[in-house]
Amino acid sequence: MGRKATEHFKVCPCCGEVWRCRSDFIKDNSLYLNGYMADFNVLEKGLFYFTHLVEGCRSTLVVHASHFLDLYSGTRYTEKNSGRDDCPGHCHNRGHLERCSAICEYAFVRDVIQIILKLKKQPGESFDPDMVNLPWQEEDHL
């Protein structure tokens, strides 16, 4: 007798909070999108990094890009341009969330990031990213 599986979008690995659907996950202001890491072999396997800003948690949640790519309906390029002269290198730095002007297969993911950030933004509310201590933003003190 197997138990019935509960459907959900994501579960926090630290505090156990459950997001039943993608929309609830994106709009939750306790989740801060702080990074994207491209997978240069399989675009859909790129990773979005979110920090769960709840007292006692502050865990990092990782979501495959495949869960968000359908948010974008614009032009998608097929040529990989990573590392070339006109590549600004955003996909090589997990903390860079800016748009990308390169004609590259991965450039539209930068627009997906902007869509997620826009959906998260609520009128009258603001978020101070300086309150989040991200490992890749810390300086080495030798």
N, C-alpha and C. Protein backbone atom coordinates (compact mmCIF):
# COMPACT_ATOMS: atom_id res chain seq x y z
N MET A 1 0.83 -1.18 0.00
CA MET A 1 0.00 0.00 0.00
C MET A 1 0.87 1.24 0.00
N GLY A 2 1.01 1.85 -1.15
CA GLY A 2 1.82 3.04 -1.27
C GLY A 2 1.04 4.27 -0.85
N ARG A 3 1.75 5.26 -0.38
CA ARG A 3 1.07 6.49 0.00
C ARG A 3 0.93 7.38 -1.23
N LYS A 4 -0.08 8.21 -1.22
CA LYS A 4 -0.36 9.09 -2.34
C LYS A 4 0.66 10.24 -2.36
N ALA A 5 1.26 10.44 -3.51
CA ALA A 5 2.26 11.50 -3.65
C ALA A 5 1.56 12.86 -3.67
N THR A 6 2.08 13.80 -2.92
CA THR A 6 1.56 15.15 -2.91
C THR A 6 2.30 15.95 -3.97
N GLU A 7 1.54 16.59 -4.84
CA GLU A 7 2.18 17.37 -5.90
C GLU A 7 2.56 18.74 -5.36
N HIS A 8 3.73 19.18 -5.75
CA HIS A 8 4.22 20.50 -5.36
C HIS A 8 5.28 20.94 -6.36
N PHE A 9 5.56 22.24 -6.34
CA PHE A 9 6.60 22.78 -7.21
C PHE A 9 7.97 22.63 -6.57
N LYS A 10 8.08 23.03 -5.29
CA LYS A 10 9.37 23.01 -4.60
C LYS A 10 9.15 22.93 -3.10
N VAL A 11 10.09 22.30 -2.42
CA VAL A 11 10.09 22.22 -0.95
C VAL A 11 11.44 22.75 -0.47
N CYS A 12 11.42 23.62 0.53
CA CYS A 12 12.67 24.13 1.10
C CYS A 12 13.39 23.00 1.82
N PRO A 13 14.66 22.75 1.48
CA PRO A 13 15.39 21.66 2.12
C PRO A 13 15.72 21.90 3.59
N CYS A 14 15.62 23.14 4.03
CA CYS A 14 15.97 23.46 5.42
C CYS A 14 14.74 23.50 6.33
N CYS A 15 13.77 24.35 5.98
CA CYS A 15 12.62 24.54 6.88
C CYS A 15 11.39 23.74 6.47
N GLY A 16 11.40 23.17 5.26
CA GLY A 16 10.29 22.33 4.82
C GLY A 16 9.11 23.06 4.22
N GLU A 17 9.20 24.40 4.05
CA GLU A 17 8.09 25.12 3.43
C GLU A 17 7.83 24.56 2.04
N VAL A 18 6.55 24.48 1.69
CA VAL A 18 6.14 23.89 0.40
C VAL A 18 5.50 24.97 -0.46
N TRP A 19 5.92 25.02 -1.71
CA TRP A 19 5.29 25.87 -2.71
C TRP A 19 4.56 24.94 -3.66
N ARG A 20 3.25 25.03 -3.69
CA ARG A 20 2.41 24.11 -4.47
C ARG A 20 2.54 24.32 -5.98
N CYS A 21 2.79 25.56 -6.40
CA CYS A 21 2.88 25.82 -7.84
C CYS A 21 3.96 26.86 -8.11
N ARG A 22 4.36 26.94 -9.36
CA ARG A 22 5.41 27.87 -9.76
C ARG A 22 5.03 29.31 -9.47
N SER A 23 3.79 29.67 -9.71
CA SER A 23 3.34 31.04 -9.48
C SER A 23 3.52 31.44 -8.01
N ASP A 24 3.14 30.56 -7.09
CA ASP A 24 3.33 30.84 -5.66
C ASP A 24 4.80 31.00 -5.33
N PHE A 25 5.64 30.17 -5.93
CA PHE A 25 7.08 30.22 -5.69
C PHE A 25 7.65 31.55 -6.17
N ILE A 26 7.32 31.94 -7.40
CA ILE A 26 7.86 33.17 -7.97
C ILE A 26 7.42 34.39 -7.17
N LYS A 27 6.17 34.44 -6.78
CA LYS A 27 5.63 35.63 -6.12
C LYS A 27 5.94 35.71 -4.62
N ASP A 28 6.54 34.67 -4.07
CA ASP A 28 6.87 34.67 -2.65
C ASP A 28 8.04 35.62 -2.39
N ASN A 29 7.76 36.69 -1.67
CA ASN A 29 8.80 37.69 -1.41
C ASN A 29 9.84 37.24 -0.40
N SER A 30 9.66 36.07 0.20
CA SER A 30 10.69 35.56 1.09
C SER A 30 11.75 34.79 0.30
N LEU A 31 11.56 34.68 -1.01
CA LEU A 31 12.55 34.05 -1.89
C LEU A 31 13.24 35.13 -2.71
N TYR A 32 14.55 35.15 -2.63
CA TYR A 32 15.35 36.15 -3.34
C TYR A 32 16.14 35.45 -4.44
N LEU A 33 15.87 35.82 -5.70
CA LEU A 33 16.62 35.27 -6.83
C LEU A 33 18.00 35.90 -6.82
N ASN A 34 19.03 35.09 -6.56
CA ASN A 34 20.37 35.66 -6.45
C ASN A 34 21.38 35.08 -7.41
N GLY A 35 20.94 34.19 -8.31
CA GLY A 35 21.92 33.68 -9.24
C GLY A 35 21.35 32.76 -10.30
N TYR A 36 22.13 32.62 -11.36
CA TYR A 36 21.83 31.68 -12.43
C TYR A 36 23.15 31.11 -12.92
N MET A 37 23.20 29.80 -13.05
CA MET A 37 24.39 29.13 -13.57
C MET A 37 23.99 28.37 -14.83
N ALA A 38 24.56 28.77 -15.95
CA ALA A 38 24.24 28.14 -17.23
C ALA A 38 24.85 26.74 -17.31
N ASP A 39 24.15 25.86 -17.99
CA ASP A 39 24.69 24.56 -18.37
C ASP A 39 24.95 24.67 -19.87
N PHE A 40 26.20 24.69 -20.27
CA PHE A 40 26.55 24.93 -21.66
C PHE A 40 26.41 23.70 -22.55
N ASN A 41 25.97 22.60 -21.97
CA ASN A 41 25.68 21.40 -22.76
C ASN A 41 24.18 21.25 -23.01
N VAL A 42 23.38 21.49 -21.95
CA VAL A 42 21.92 21.36 -22.06
C VAL A 42 21.30 22.59 -21.40
N LEU A 43 20.79 23.50 -22.20
CA LEU A 43 20.24 24.77 -21.73
C LEU A 43 19.23 24.58 -20.60
N GLU A 44 18.35 23.60 -20.72
CA GLU A 44 17.29 23.37 -19.74
C GLU A 44 17.82 22.93 -18.38
N LYS A 45 19.07 22.51 -18.32
CA LYS A 45 19.65 22.07 -17.05
C LYS A 45 20.39 23.19 -16.32
N GLY A 46 20.33 24.41 -16.85
CA GLY A 46 20.88 25.54 -16.12
C GLY A 46 20.17 25.65 -14.78
N LEU A 47 20.78 26.34 -13.82
CA LEU A 47 20.23 26.39 -12.46
C LEU A 47 19.96 27.83 -12.01
N PHE A 48 18.76 28.04 -11.48
CA PHE A 48 18.41 29.29 -10.83
C PHE A 48 18.59 29.10 -9.33
N TYR A 49 19.22 30.08 -8.67
CA TYR A 49 19.49 30.02 -7.23
C TYR A 49 18.62 31.04 -6.50
N PHE A 50 17.91 30.58 -5.49
CA PHE A 50 17.07 31.43 -4.66
C PHE A 50 17.49 31.25 -3.21
N THR A 51 17.48 32.35 -2.45
CA THR A 51 17.72 32.28 -1.01
C THR A 51 16.38 32.46 -0.31
N HIS A 52 16.09 31.57 0.63
CA HIS A 52 14.84 31.62 1.38
C HIS A 52 15.07 32.50 2.61
N LEU A 53 14.59 33.73 2.54
CA LEU A 53 14.86 34.73 3.56
C LEU A 53 13.85 34.66 4.70
N VAL A 54 13.84 33.54 5.39
CA VAL A 54 12.97 33.35 6.54
C VAL A 54 13.86 33.14 7.75
N GLU A 55 13.51 33.82 8.84
CA GLU A 55 14.30 33.69 10.07
C GLU A 55 14.48 32.22 10.42
N GLY A 56 15.72 31.83 10.65
CA GLY A 56 16.02 30.45 11.00
C GLY A 56 16.22 29.53 9.81
N CYS A 57 16.04 30.05 8.60
CA CYS A 57 16.19 29.20 7.41
C CYS A 57 17.38 29.68 6.57
N ARG A 58 17.15 30.66 5.72
CA ARG A 58 18.16 31.26 4.85
C ARG A 58 18.86 30.22 3.97
N SER A 59 18.13 29.20 3.61
CA SER A 59 18.65 28.14 2.75
C SER A 59 18.68 28.58 1.30
N THR A 60 19.52 27.95 0.52
CA THR A 60 19.55 28.18 -0.92
C THR A 60 18.78 27.07 -1.60
N LEU A 61 17.85 27.46 -2.45
CA LEU A 61 17.07 26.52 -3.24
C LEU A 61 17.51 26.63 -4.68
N VAL A 62 17.63 25.50 -5.34
CA VAL A 62 18.06 25.46 -6.73
C VAL A 62 16.92 24.90 -7.57
N VAL A 63 16.62 25.58 -8.69
CA VAL A 63 15.55 25.15 -9.58
C VAL A 63 16.11 25.09 -11.01
N HIS A 64 15.87 23.97 -11.69
CA HIS A 64 16.33 23.85 -13.08
C HIS A 64 15.66 24.89 -13.97
N ALA A 65 16.41 25.40 -14.91
CA ALA A 65 15.91 26.41 -15.84
C ALA A 65 14.67 25.93 -16.59
N SER A 66 14.55 24.64 -16.82
CA SER A 66 13.41 24.11 -17.57
C SER A 66 12.07 24.52 -16.96
N HIS A 67 12.05 24.80 -15.66
CA HIS A 67 10.80 25.19 -14.99
C HIS A 67 10.39 26.63 -15.27
N PHE A 68 11.27 27.43 -15.86
CA PHE A 68 10.98 28.85 -16.07
C PHE A 68 11.06 29.29 -17.53
N LEU A 69 11.65 28.52 -18.40
CA LEU A 69 11.93 28.97 -19.76
C LEU A 69 10.67 29.32 -20.55
N ASP A 70 9.56 28.71 -20.23
CA ASP A 70 8.32 29.01 -20.95
C ASP A 70 7.74 30.38 -20.61
N LEU A 71 8.31 31.07 -19.64
CA LEU A 71 7.86 32.43 -19.31
C LEU A 71 8.21 33.41 -20.42
N TYR A 72 9.17 33.05 -21.26
CA TYR A 72 9.64 33.93 -22.33
C TYR A 72 9.04 33.50 -23.66
N SER A 73 8.50 34.45 -24.40
CA SER A 73 7.89 34.12 -25.69
C SER A 73 8.53 34.88 -26.85
N GLY A 74 9.65 35.54 -26.61
CA GLY A 74 10.32 36.31 -27.66
C GLY A 74 11.26 35.47 -28.49
N THR A 75 12.15 36.16 -29.18
CA THR A 75 13.11 35.52 -30.08
C THR A 75 14.14 34.72 -29.30
N ARG A 76 14.39 33.51 -29.79
CA ARG A 76 15.43 32.66 -29.21
C ARG A 76 16.42 32.32 -30.31
N TYR A 77 17.70 32.54 -30.02
CA TYR A 77 18.75 32.25 -30.99
C TYR A 77 19.24 30.82 -30.80
N THR A 78 19.83 30.26 -31.83
CA THR A 78 20.29 28.87 -31.76
C THR A 78 21.80 28.76 -31.67
N GLU A 79 22.51 29.84 -31.99
CA GLU A 79 23.98 29.81 -31.98
C GLU A 79 24.51 30.06 -30.57
N LYS A 80 25.48 29.25 -30.15
CA LYS A 80 26.15 29.47 -28.87
C LYS A 80 27.27 30.48 -29.09
N ASN A 81 27.25 31.53 -28.31
CA ASN A 81 28.21 32.62 -28.48
C ASN A 81 29.08 32.81 -27.24
N SER A 82 28.95 31.93 -26.28
CA SER A 82 29.66 32.05 -25.02
C SER A 82 31.17 32.08 -25.22
N GLY A 83 31.79 33.08 -24.60
CA GLY A 83 33.25 33.19 -24.65
C GLY A 83 33.79 33.95 -25.84
N ARG A 84 32.95 34.34 -26.76
CA ARG A 84 33.42 35.11 -27.93
C ARG A 84 33.55 36.58 -27.56
N ASP A 85 34.10 37.36 -28.49
CA ASP A 85 34.37 38.77 -28.22
C ASP A 85 33.12 39.57 -27.83
N ASP A 86 31.97 39.27 -28.43
CA ASP A 86 30.77 40.04 -28.12
C ASP A 86 29.98 39.46 -26.94
N CYS A 87 30.54 38.49 -26.26
CA CYS A 87 29.90 37.88 -25.09
C CYS A 87 30.31 38.66 -23.84
N PRO A 88 29.33 39.23 -23.11
CA PRO A 88 29.67 39.96 -21.89
C PRO A 88 30.01 39.05 -20.70
N GLY A 89 29.80 37.75 -20.84
CA GLY A 89 30.20 36.80 -19.81
C GLY A 89 29.24 36.62 -18.65
N HIS A 90 28.02 37.12 -18.77
CA HIS A 90 27.06 37.01 -17.67
C HIS A 90 26.83 35.56 -17.24
N CYS A 91 26.75 34.65 -18.21
CA CYS A 91 26.45 33.24 -17.89
C CYS A 91 27.60 32.54 -17.17
N HIS A 92 28.76 33.18 -17.13
CA HIS A 92 29.92 32.60 -16.45
C HIS A 92 30.05 33.10 -15.02
N ASN A 93 29.15 34.01 -14.62
CA ASN A 93 29.18 34.54 -13.26
C ASN A 93 27.79 34.38 -12.65
N ARG A 94 27.67 33.49 -11.71
CA ARG A 94 26.38 33.11 -11.12
C ARG A 94 25.60 34.31 -10.58
N GLY A 95 26.27 35.32 -10.12
CA GLY A 95 25.59 36.47 -9.53
C GLY A 95 25.15 37.53 -10.52
N HIS A 96 25.54 37.42 -11.79
CA HIS A 96 25.13 38.41 -12.79
C HIS A 96 23.72 38.09 -13.27
N LEU A 97 22.78 39.00 -13.04
CA LEU A 97 21.39 38.78 -13.44
C LEU A 97 20.95 39.76 -14.53
N GLU A 98 21.90 40.50 -15.09
CA GLU A 98 21.58 41.50 -16.09
C GLU A 98 21.11 40.86 -17.40
N ARG A 99 20.44 41.69 -18.22
CA ARG A 99 20.09 41.28 -19.58
C ARG A 99 21.37 41.12 -20.38
N CYS A 100 21.28 40.35 -21.46
CA CYS A 100 22.44 40.13 -22.32
C CYS A 100 22.10 40.57 -23.73
N SER A 101 23.00 41.33 -24.35
CA SER A 101 22.77 41.84 -25.70
C SER A 101 23.34 40.94 -26.78
N ALA A 102 24.05 39.89 -26.40
CA ALA A 102 24.67 39.00 -27.39
C ALA A 102 23.62 38.18 -28.14
N ILE A 103 23.92 37.89 -29.39
CA ILE A 103 23.07 36.99 -30.17
C ILE A 103 23.57 35.60 -29.87
N CYS A 104 22.92 34.97 -28.90
CA CYS A 104 23.40 33.71 -28.35
C CYS A 104 22.22 32.88 -27.85
N GLU A 105 22.36 31.58 -27.92
CA GLU A 105 21.32 30.67 -27.45
C GLU A 105 20.95 30.94 -25.99
N TYR A 106 21.88 31.39 -25.19
CA TYR A 106 21.66 31.57 -23.76
C TYR A 106 21.15 32.96 -23.38
N ALA A 107 21.16 33.90 -24.32
CA ALA A 107 20.79 35.28 -24.01
C ALA A 107 19.36 35.41 -23.50
N PHE A 108 18.43 34.63 -24.04
CA PHE A 108 17.04 34.78 -23.63
C PHE A 108 16.83 34.41 -22.17
N VAL A 109 17.70 33.58 -21.61
CA VAL A 109 17.57 33.22 -20.19
C VAL A 109 17.69 34.48 -19.33
N ARG A 110 18.50 35.42 -19.79
CA ARG A 110 18.64 36.69 -19.07
C ARG A 110 17.31 37.44 -19.04
N ASP A 111 16.50 37.31 -20.12
CA ASP A 111 15.17 37.91 -20.13
C ASP A 111 14.23 37.16 -19.20
N VAL A 112 14.38 35.85 -19.11
CA VAL A 112 13.58 35.05 -18.17
C VAL A 112 13.87 35.55 -16.75
N ILE A 113 15.12 35.81 -16.45
CA ILE A 113 15.50 36.33 -15.13
C ILE A 113 14.77 37.64 -14.86
N GLN A 114 14.75 38.54 -15.85
CA GLN A 114 14.08 39.83 -15.67
C GLN A 114 12.58 39.65 -15.48
N ILE A 115 11.98 38.69 -16.17
CA ILE A 115 10.56 38.41 -16.00
C ILE A 115 10.29 37.93 -14.57
N ILE A 116 11.10 37.03 -14.08
CA ILE A 116 10.94 36.53 -12.70
C ILE A 116 11.07 37.68 -11.71
N LEU A 117 12.09 38.52 -11.89
CA LEU A 117 12.28 39.65 -10.98
C LEU A 117 11.10 40.61 -11.02
N LYS A 118 10.55 40.83 -12.20
CA LYS A 118 9.39 41.73 -12.34
C LYS A 118 8.16 41.12 -11.65
N LEU A 119 7.95 39.81 -11.81
CA LEU A 119 6.81 39.15 -11.17
C LEU A 119 6.94 39.16 -9.65
N LYS A 120 8.17 39.13 -9.15
CA LYS A 120 8.40 39.13 -7.71
C LYS A 120 8.16 40.51 -7.09
N LYS A 121 8.37 41.55 -7.86
CA LYS A 121 8.28 42.90 -7.33
C LYS A 121 6.83 43.29 -7.04
N GLN A 122 6.55 43.69 -5.83
CA GLN A 122 5.22 44.10 -5.43
C GLN A 122 5.22 45.60 -5.15
N PRO A 123 4.16 46.31 -5.54
CA PRO A 123 4.10 47.75 -5.27
C PRO A 123 4.25 48.06 -3.79
N GLY A 124 5.08 49.05 -3.48
CA GLY A 124 5.26 49.48 -2.10
C GLY A 124 6.19 48.63 -1.28
N GLU A 125 6.71 47.56 -1.85
CA GLU A 125 7.63 46.70 -1.13
C GLU A 125 9.00 46.76 -1.78
N SER A 126 10.01 46.70 -0.99
CA SER A 126 11.36 46.69 -1.54
C SER A 126 12.18 45.64 -0.81
N PHE A 127 13.28 45.30 -1.40
CA PHE A 127 14.15 44.28 -0.83
C PHE A 127 15.57 44.76 -0.90
N ASP A 128 16.30 44.61 0.17
CA ASP A 128 17.69 45.02 0.23
C ASP A 128 18.58 43.80 0.07
N PRO A 129 19.17 43.58 -1.14
CA PRO A 129 19.99 42.40 -1.35
C PRO A 129 21.24 42.38 -0.49
N ASP A 130 21.62 43.52 0.09
CA ASP A 130 22.81 43.55 0.94
C ASP A 130 22.60 42.78 2.23
N MET A 131 21.34 42.49 2.57
CA MET A 131 21.10 41.74 3.80
C MET A 131 21.34 40.25 3.62
N VAL A 132 21.56 39.83 2.39
CA VAL A 132 21.81 38.42 2.11
C VAL A 132 23.31 38.21 1.96
N ASN A 133 23.85 37.29 2.70
CA ASN A 133 25.27 36.99 2.64
C ASN A 133 25.48 35.84 1.66
N LEU A 134 25.89 36.16 0.44
CA LEU A 134 26.05 35.16 -0.60
C LEU A 134 27.51 34.73 -0.68
N PRO A 135 27.77 33.43 -0.71
CA PRO A 135 29.15 32.93 -0.68
C PRO A 135 30.02 33.48 -1.80
N TRP A 136 29.49 33.63 -3.00
CA TRP A 136 30.32 34.08 -4.12
C TRP A 136 30.51 35.59 -4.13
N GLN A 137 29.87 36.32 -3.19
CA GLN A 137 30.05 37.76 -3.11
C GLN A 137 31.02 38.16 -2.00
N GLU A 138 31.42 37.20 -1.21
CA GLU A 138 32.34 37.50 -0.12
C GLU A 138 33.76 37.65 -0.66
N GLU A 139 34.49 38.58 -0.11
CA GLU A 139 35.88 38.77 -0.51
C GLU A 139 36.77 37.86 0.33
N ASP A 140 37.82 37.38 -0.29
CA ASP A 140 38.79 36.57 0.45
C ASP A 140 39.64 37.49 1.32
N HIS A 141 39.73 37.14 2.57
CA HIS A 141 40.58 37.90 3.48
C HIS A 141 41.74 37.01 3.89
N LEU A 142 42.89 37.23 3.27
CA LEU A 142 44.08 36.39 3.53
C LEU A 142 44.90 36.94 4.67
